């Protein structure tokens, strides 16, 4: 039995995905803000751990505190701007639970 391999015939139908541009923008904003919130929480925990171990000077503690407060305020403003609640940022990972700890 001999088979010939030749060019594939063009597909008669192309699959098109129709997406609402507003939904795409909102979902992308949600993803980016989720990542920023995850990093913010990790930095906050690391800062607290270093502070409790005595690894930071008083000036560093003060600077970290101010920075983390400003970042939290910025996150609140961005969530309001994109009409997202903090719970919208906590992605459900199925059997693994949620991405962010529940507060």
Protein backbone atom coordinates (compact mmCIF):
# COMPACT_ATOMS: atom_id res chain seq x y z
CA UNK A 1 0.00 0.00 0.00
CA UNK A 2 1.40 3.35 -0.98
CA UNK A 3 0.26 6.65 0.43
CA UNK A 4 1.07 9.97 -1.04
CA UNK A 5 1.71 12.93 1.10
CA UNK A 6 0.79 16.16 -0.50
CA UNK A 7 -0.31 19.59 0.51
CA UNK A 8 -3.28 19.73 2.79
CA UNK A 9 -6.42 21.14 1.28
CA UNK A 10 -7.38 24.53 2.69
CA UNK A 11 -9.86 24.42 5.50
CA UNK A 12 -13.28 25.45 4.36
CA UNK A 13 -14.21 27.09 7.65
CA UNK A 14 -12.09 29.21 9.90
CA UNK A 15 -12.82 29.24 13.56
CA UNK A 16 -13.43 32.73 14.86
CA UNK A 17 -13.62 33.73 18.43
CA UNK A 18 -15.80 36.70 19.05
CA UNK A 19 -14.89 38.41 22.27
CA UNK A 20 -16.36 41.46 23.85
CA UNK A 21 -13.52 43.97 24.03
CA UNK A 22 -14.78 45.38 27.34
CA UNK A 23 -14.85 41.90 28.88
CA UNK A 24 -11.34 41.19 27.62
CA UNK A 25 -10.07 44.48 29.07
CA UNK A 26 -11.78 43.83 32.41
CA UNK A 27 -10.44 40.28 32.62
CA UNK A 28 -6.91 41.40 31.72
CA UNK A 29 -7.12 44.16 34.33
CA UNK A 30 -8.32 41.59 36.86
CA UNK A 31 -5.39 39.29 36.07
CA UNK A 32 -2.79 42.07 36.33
CA UNK A 33 -4.25 43.40 39.58
CA UNK A 34 -4.36 39.87 40.99
CA UNK A 35 -0.65 39.43 40.29
CA UNK A 36 0.16 42.82 41.82
CA UNK A 37 -1.90 41.96 44.91
CA UNK A 38 -0.18 38.60 45.25
CA UNK A 39 3.25 40.25 45.10
CA UNK A 40 2.14 42.99 47.52
CA UNK A 41 1.02 40.40 50.07
CA UNK A 42 4.25 38.40 49.68
CA UNK A 43 6.37 41.54 50.19
CA UNK A 44 4.28 42.48 53.21
CA UNK A 45 4.75 39.05 54.81
CA UNK A 46 8.47 39.09 54.09
CA UNK A 47 8.76 42.58 55.59
CA UNK A 48 6.96 41.51 58.77
CA UNK A 49 9.17 38.43 59.05
CA UNK A 50 12.34 40.51 58.66
CA UNK A 51 11.06 43.10 61.14
CA UNK A 52 10.27 40.40 63.73
CA UNK A 53 13.76 38.93 63.29
CA UNK A 54 15.32 42.35 63.86
CA UNK A 55 16.87 42.51 60.38
CA UNK A 56 15.58 46.03 59.68
CA UNK A 57 16.50 49.39 61.11
CA UNK A 58 13.81 51.76 62.39
CA UNK A 59 14.21 53.85 59.23
CA UNK A 60 13.75 50.80 57.00
CA UNK A 61 10.67 49.74 58.94
CA UNK A 62 9.18 53.20 58.56
CA UNK A 63 9.95 53.32 54.83
CA UNK A 64 8.47 49.86 54.27
CA UNK A 65 5.35 50.74 56.23
CA UNK A 66 4.74 53.91 54.22
CA UNK A 67 5.43 52.13 50.93
CA UNK A 68 3.09 49.24 51.73
CA UNK A 69 0.33 51.64 52.82
CA UNK A 70 0.64 53.61 49.59
CA UNK A 71 0.59 50.45 47.51
CA UNK A 72 -2.53 49.24 49.31
CA UNK A 73 -4.21 52.60 48.67
CA UNK A 74 -3.23 52.43 44.99
CA UNK A 75 -4.66 48.91 44.73
CA UNK A 76 -7.93 50.10 46.27
CA UNK A 77 -8.13 52.97 43.76
CA UNK A 78 -7.38 50.66 40.83
CA UNK A 79 -9.99 48.15 41.96
CA UNK A 80 -12.55 50.96 42.15
CA UNK A 81 -11.53 52.23 38.71
CA UNK A 82 -12.02 48.81 37.12
CA UNK A 83 -15.08 48.05 39.26
CA UNK A 84 -13.44 45.09 40.98
CA UNK A 85 -13.76 44.03 44.58
CA UNK A 86 -10.89 42.46 46.53
CA UNK A 87 -12.70 39.12 46.30
CA UNK A 88 -12.63 39.41 42.47
CA UNK A 89 -8.83 39.25 42.67
CA UNK A 90 -8.81 35.97 44.58
CA UNK A 91 -8.73 33.41 41.78
CA UNK A 92 -10.23 30.00 42.49
CA UNK A 93 -7.65 27.33 41.67
CA UNK A 94 -10.07 24.44 42.00
CA UNK A 95 -8.85 21.67 44.29
CA UNK A 96 -5.88 23.82 45.36
CA UNK A 97 -8.15 26.44 46.88
CA UNK A 98 -7.83 30.16 46.26
CA UNK A 99 -4.72 32.01 45.13
CA UNK A 100 -4.78 34.55 47.94
CA UNK A 101 -5.47 33.80 51.59
CA UNK A 102 -8.97 34.76 52.65
CA UNK A 103 -9.02 37.70 55.00
